[in-house]
Protein backbone atom coordinates (compact mmCIF):
# COMPACT_ATOMS: atom_id res chain seq x y z
CA MET A 1 46.81 143.90 111.16
CA ILE A 2 45.58 141.19 109.08
CA PRO A 3 43.90 140.89 105.74
CA ILE A 4 40.79 138.94 104.90
CA LEU A 5 40.71 138.68 101.43
CA MET A 6 36.75 138.69 99.86
CA TYR A 7 36.24 136.87 96.34
CA HIS A 8 33.20 135.52 94.81
CA GLN A 9 33.78 134.18 91.34
CA ILE A 10 37.14 132.42 89.89
CA ASP A 11 36.63 132.66 86.26
CA GLU A 12 36.68 134.21 82.96
CA PRO A 13 34.89 137.64 83.46
CA PRO A 14 31.45 137.88 81.29
CA VAL A 15 31.21 140.42 78.54
CA ARG A 16 31.68 143.95 79.28
CA GLY A 17 28.44 145.74 80.63
CA THR A 18 27.47 142.91 82.57
CA PRO A 19 26.33 143.69 86.07
CA TYR A 20 28.61 143.07 88.46
CA ARG A 21 31.27 142.01 86.07
CA GLY A 22 33.72 143.13 88.52
CA LEU A 23 33.27 140.71 90.89
CA THR A 24 34.83 137.69 88.82
CA VAL A 25 38.51 137.35 89.03
CA HIS A 26 40.45 135.68 85.97
CA PRO A 27 42.41 132.58 87.28
CA ARG A 28 45.38 133.91 85.83
CA SER A 29 44.98 137.06 88.39
CA PHE A 30 43.63 134.67 91.20
CA ARG A 31 47.42 132.81 90.72
CA ARG A 32 49.36 135.76 90.43
CA GLN A 33 47.90 137.26 93.51
CA MET A 34 48.69 133.94 95.57
CA HIS A 35 52.02 133.69 94.10
CA TRP A 36 53.02 137.07 95.33
CA MET A 37 51.78 136.34 98.76
CA ARG A 38 53.51 133.38 99.22
CA ARG A 39 56.82 134.69 97.71
CA LEU A 40 56.59 137.60 100.60
CA GLY A 41 56.34 135.06 103.44
CA TYR A 42 52.57 135.04 103.99
CA GLN A 43 50.25 131.78 104.52
CA GLY A 44 47.24 131.97 103.19
CA LEU A 45 44.51 130.63 106.02
CA SER A 46 41.10 129.85 106.08
CA MET A 47 39.12 131.60 108.74
CA ARG A 48 38.92 128.41 111.46
CA GLN A 49 42.82 128.86 111.14
CA LEU A 50 43.07 132.48 111.15
CA MET A 51 41.19 133.12 114.31
CA PRO A 52 44.54 132.51 116.74
CA TYR A 53 45.95 135.11 114.97
CA LEU A 54 43.05 137.24 114.93
CA ASP A 55 42.78 137.40 118.70
CA GLY A 56 46.36 137.21 119.54
CA ARG A 57 47.19 133.70 120.73
CA ARG A 58 49.68 133.39 117.35
CA LYS A 59 51.76 135.88 115.35
CA GLY A 60 52.96 135.33 112.27
CA ARG A 61 52.58 136.72 108.34
CA VAL A 62 49.27 135.23 107.24
CA PHE A 63 46.32 136.43 105.50
CA GLY A 64 42.84 135.06 105.03
CA ILE A 65 41.07 133.69 102.07
CA THR A 66 37.49 133.94 101.45
CA PHE A 67 34.58 133.01 98.76
CA ASP A 68 31.28 134.14 98.92
CA ASP A 69 28.66 132.12 97.62
CA GLY A 70 29.96 128.71 96.81
CA TYR A 71 30.67 128.89 93.13
CA GLU A 72 31.70 125.84 91.27
CA ASN A 73 34.27 127.73 89.30
CA VAL A 74 36.10 128.24 92.74
CA LEU A 75 36.59 124.54 93.37
CA ARG A 76 37.36 124.11 89.49
CA HIS A 77 39.94 127.15 89.18
CA ALA A 78 40.67 128.31 92.61
CA ALA A 79 41.41 125.09 94.61
CA PRO A 80 44.46 123.61 92.64
CA ILE A 81 46.08 127.16 92.72
CA LEU A 82 45.66 127.14 96.55
CA ASP A 83 46.86 123.47 96.82
CA ALA A 84 50.01 124.51 94.77
CA CYS A 85 50.62 127.19 97.20
CA GLY A 86 49.84 125.15 100.30
CA PHE A 87 47.23 127.93 101.32
CA GLN A 88 43.92 127.13 102.66
CA ALA A 89 40.52 128.95 102.40
CA THR A 90 36.79 129.48 103.47
CA ASN A 91 33.59 129.35 101.50
CA TYR A 92 30.46 130.55 102.37
CA PHE A 93 27.86 128.26 100.96
CA VAL A 94 24.00 129.27 100.34
CA VAL A 95 22.82 126.04 101.52
CA GLN A 96 19.48 125.51 99.68
CA GLN A 97 21.14 126.52 96.32
CA LEU A 98 23.41 123.67 96.55
CA GLY A 99 23.48 122.54 93.18
CA GLY A 100 21.77 125.40 91.81
CA THR A 101 22.42 128.86 90.81
CA ASN A 102 22.70 132.49 92.14
CA GLU A 103 19.45 132.95 92.01
CA TRP A 104 19.51 135.95 94.22
CA ASP A 105 21.22 137.95 91.52
CA ARG A 106 18.44 137.07 88.76
CA ASP A 107 16.77 140.82 88.97
CA GLU A 108 20.04 142.33 88.55
CA GLY A 109 20.68 141.13 85.64
CA VAL A 110 23.58 139.03 86.48
CA PRO A 111 24.04 135.79 84.59
CA PRO A 112 23.39 132.42 86.40
CA ALA A 113 26.52 130.67 87.56
CA PRO A 114 26.64 127.18 88.59
CA LEU A 115 26.93 126.82 92.36
CA MET A 116 28.79 123.67 93.91
CA ASP A 117 26.54 120.96 94.49
CA VAL A 118 26.82 118.31 97.82
CA ALA A 119 29.39 116.34 95.88
CA GLY A 120 31.64 119.63 95.37
CA LEU A 121 31.37 120.79 99.02
CA ARG A 122 32.30 117.87 100.30
CA GLU A 123 35.47 117.76 97.76
CA TRP A 124 35.95 121.11 98.80
CA VAL A 125 36.27 120.08 102.73
CA ALA A 126 38.17 116.97 101.70
CA LEU A 127 40.80 119.51 100.40
CA GLY A 128 41.27 120.80 103.71
CA HIS A 129 39.55 123.80 103.02
CA GLU A 130 36.44 125.20 105.38
CA ALA A 131 32.51 125.21 104.69
CA GLY A 132 30.96 128.50 105.87
CA SER A 133 27.11 129.42 106.17
CA HIS A 134 26.06 132.23 103.98
CA THR A 135 22.48 131.19 105.16
CA LEU A 136 20.01 129.04 103.48
CA SER A 137 18.81 131.45 100.80
CA HIS A 138 20.69 134.62 100.58
CA PRO A 139 18.27 136.83 102.02
CA ALA A 140 19.28 140.52 103.12
CA LEU A 141 18.59 139.70 106.49
CA THR A 142 17.89 142.71 107.87
CA ARG A 143 14.79 143.09 105.76
CA VAL A 144 13.28 139.52 107.08
CA PRO A 145 11.12 139.29 110.10
CA PRO A 146 13.77 138.21 112.83
CA GLU A 147 12.29 134.67 113.17
CA GLN A 148 13.34 133.88 109.64
CA ALA A 149 16.56 135.63 110.04
CA GLY A 150 17.12 133.09 113.01
CA LEU A 151 16.20 130.40 110.71
CA GLU A 152 18.56 131.21 108.25
CA ILE A 153 21.33 131.80 110.30
CA ARG A 154 21.05 128.21 112.48
CA ASP A 155 19.43 126.18 110.16
CA SER A 156 22.24 126.79 107.53
CA ARG A 157 24.79 126.10 110.21
CA ASP A 158 23.14 122.70 110.98
CA ARG A 159 22.42 121.44 107.48
CA LEU A 160 26.14 122.25 106.47
CA GLU A 161 27.17 120.30 109.82
CA GLN A 162 25.18 117.46 109.10
CA LEU A 163 26.54 117.61 104.97
CA THR A 164 30.20 117.79 105.96
CA GLY A 165 30.73 116.16 109.06
CA GLU A 166 32.88 119.11 110.29
CA ARG A 167 32.22 121.73 112.84
CA VAL A 168 30.46 125.27 111.15
CA GLY A 169 32.21 128.08 113.02
CA ALA A 170 32.48 130.45 110.14
CA PHE A 171 29.19 132.68 108.88
CA CYS A 172 28.90 135.58 106.56
CA TYR A 173 26.24 138.07 106.17
CA PRO A 174 24.55 138.03 102.60
CA TYR A 175 24.95 141.53 101.10
CA GLY A 176 26.87 142.57 103.71
CA LYS A 177 23.71 143.76 105.72
CA LEU A 178 23.68 143.43 109.21
CA SER A 179 22.66 144.72 112.70
CA THR A 180 23.39 144.70 116.50
CA ASP A 181 20.30 142.02 116.67
CA LEU A 182 21.89 139.93 113.77
CA VAL A 183 25.17 139.94 115.45
CA ASP A 184 23.82 138.32 118.32
CA LEU A 185 21.72 135.94 116.62
CA VAL A 186 25.00 134.72 114.89
CA ARG A 187 26.84 134.84 118.31
CA ALA A 188 23.95 132.79 119.80
CA ALA A 189 23.93 130.49 116.83
CA GLY A 190 27.38 128.94 117.96
CA TYR A 191 29.36 130.46 115.40
CA ASP A 192 32.92 131.63 116.26
CA ASN A 193 33.13 134.31 113.62
CA ALA A 194 31.47 136.48 110.94
CA THR A 195 32.39 138.48 108.02
CA THR A 196 31.08 141.65 106.22
CA THR A 197 31.41 143.63 103.15
CA GLN A 198 33.07 146.43 105.63
CA ARG A 199 36.61 147.29 103.89
CA GLY A 200 39.60 147.02 105.98
CA LEU A 201 42.52 144.85 107.73
CA VAL A 202 41.25 143.48 110.90
CA ARG A 203 42.74 145.17 114.27
CA PRO A 204 43.02 143.33 117.05
CA THR A 205 40.41 145.02 118.79
CA ASP A 206 37.81 144.12 116.23
CA ASP A 207 34.53 142.42 116.95
CA PRO A 208 35.11 138.56 115.39
CA PHE A 209 31.41 138.72 114.46
CA THR A 210 31.55 142.24 112.12
CA LEU A 211 34.91 141.68 110.70
CA PRO A 212 36.17 143.65 107.67
CA ARG A 213 37.55 142.23 104.37
CA VAL A 214 39.53 143.42 101.56
CA ALA A 215 37.63 143.20 98.33
CA VAL A 216 39.49 141.88 95.32
CA MET A 217 37.97 142.79 92.19
CA ARG A 218 38.53 141.63 88.47
CA SER A 219 40.34 145.39 87.87
CA THR A 220 42.81 144.84 90.91
CA HIS A 221 45.96 144.85 89.50
CA VAL A 222 48.75 143.19 91.45
CA LEU A 223 50.28 146.41 92.75
CA ARG A 224 46.85 147.61 93.88
CA PHE A 225 46.22 144.06 95.11
CA LEU A 226 49.56 144.06 97.33
CA GLN A 227 48.84 147.64 98.54
CA LYS A 228 45.48 146.49 99.63
CA CYS A 229 46.59 143.64 101.53
CA LEU A 230 49.97 144.98 103.28
CA THR A 231 49.60 148.82 103.61
CA ARG A 232 46.74 150.71 106.15
CA LEU A 233 45.69 152.50 103.22
CA GLU A 234 42.79 150.11 102.72
CA ASP A 235 41.64 150.61 106.34
CA GLY A 236 40.89 154.15 106.07
CA LYS A 237 38.07 153.20 103.70
CA ARG A 238 36.24 151.52 106.51
CA GLY A 239 32.98 153.38 107.31
């Protein structure tokens, strides 16, 4: 089984009591996590690179690295660490918010955080990383009409391809909200894979359009991190 790591922000965590504070991992913790995986002989891959391992065409000590939302601090703090380790990653961008902030979190009291602009997106790709889609505007796709959901899925892919000049094959469901119909829409839109917020390691029999991930939080100390990645205990949390 193969772990796909799920991160959001890589930065100094906000003050105690801030909603969703746990989604911000300190750069020192991220560096420690990546260096441990490298020491153990693992190669960190983007979703594009990981697919041959997930479907059995290739074998090796690999894991996936993903970031949700396209935060600027990932480019600033995580990218140099990934480069030092020789790892690559996938970042899921909210296309209409490029250069904006995480507006979808406003009602939850989450502080605004800058997202990469178009130049940052292109820099991310130029560094060898992958740009994936997190829709146009980050809606809960199960709560919008099917026509809007289809637009969010299809148009975000098209716009990312226009902006980067690269094929976009990776998708991530906002809030992890999905249904059979949404999975069909993602598949029909031409993506190769899609990740969820469901916890667990990827099994060979998993649908590539409903892939589980390993959530890495601010409080995930390195031993727990390794336990999540390298054992089957995390797999028992799948719903």
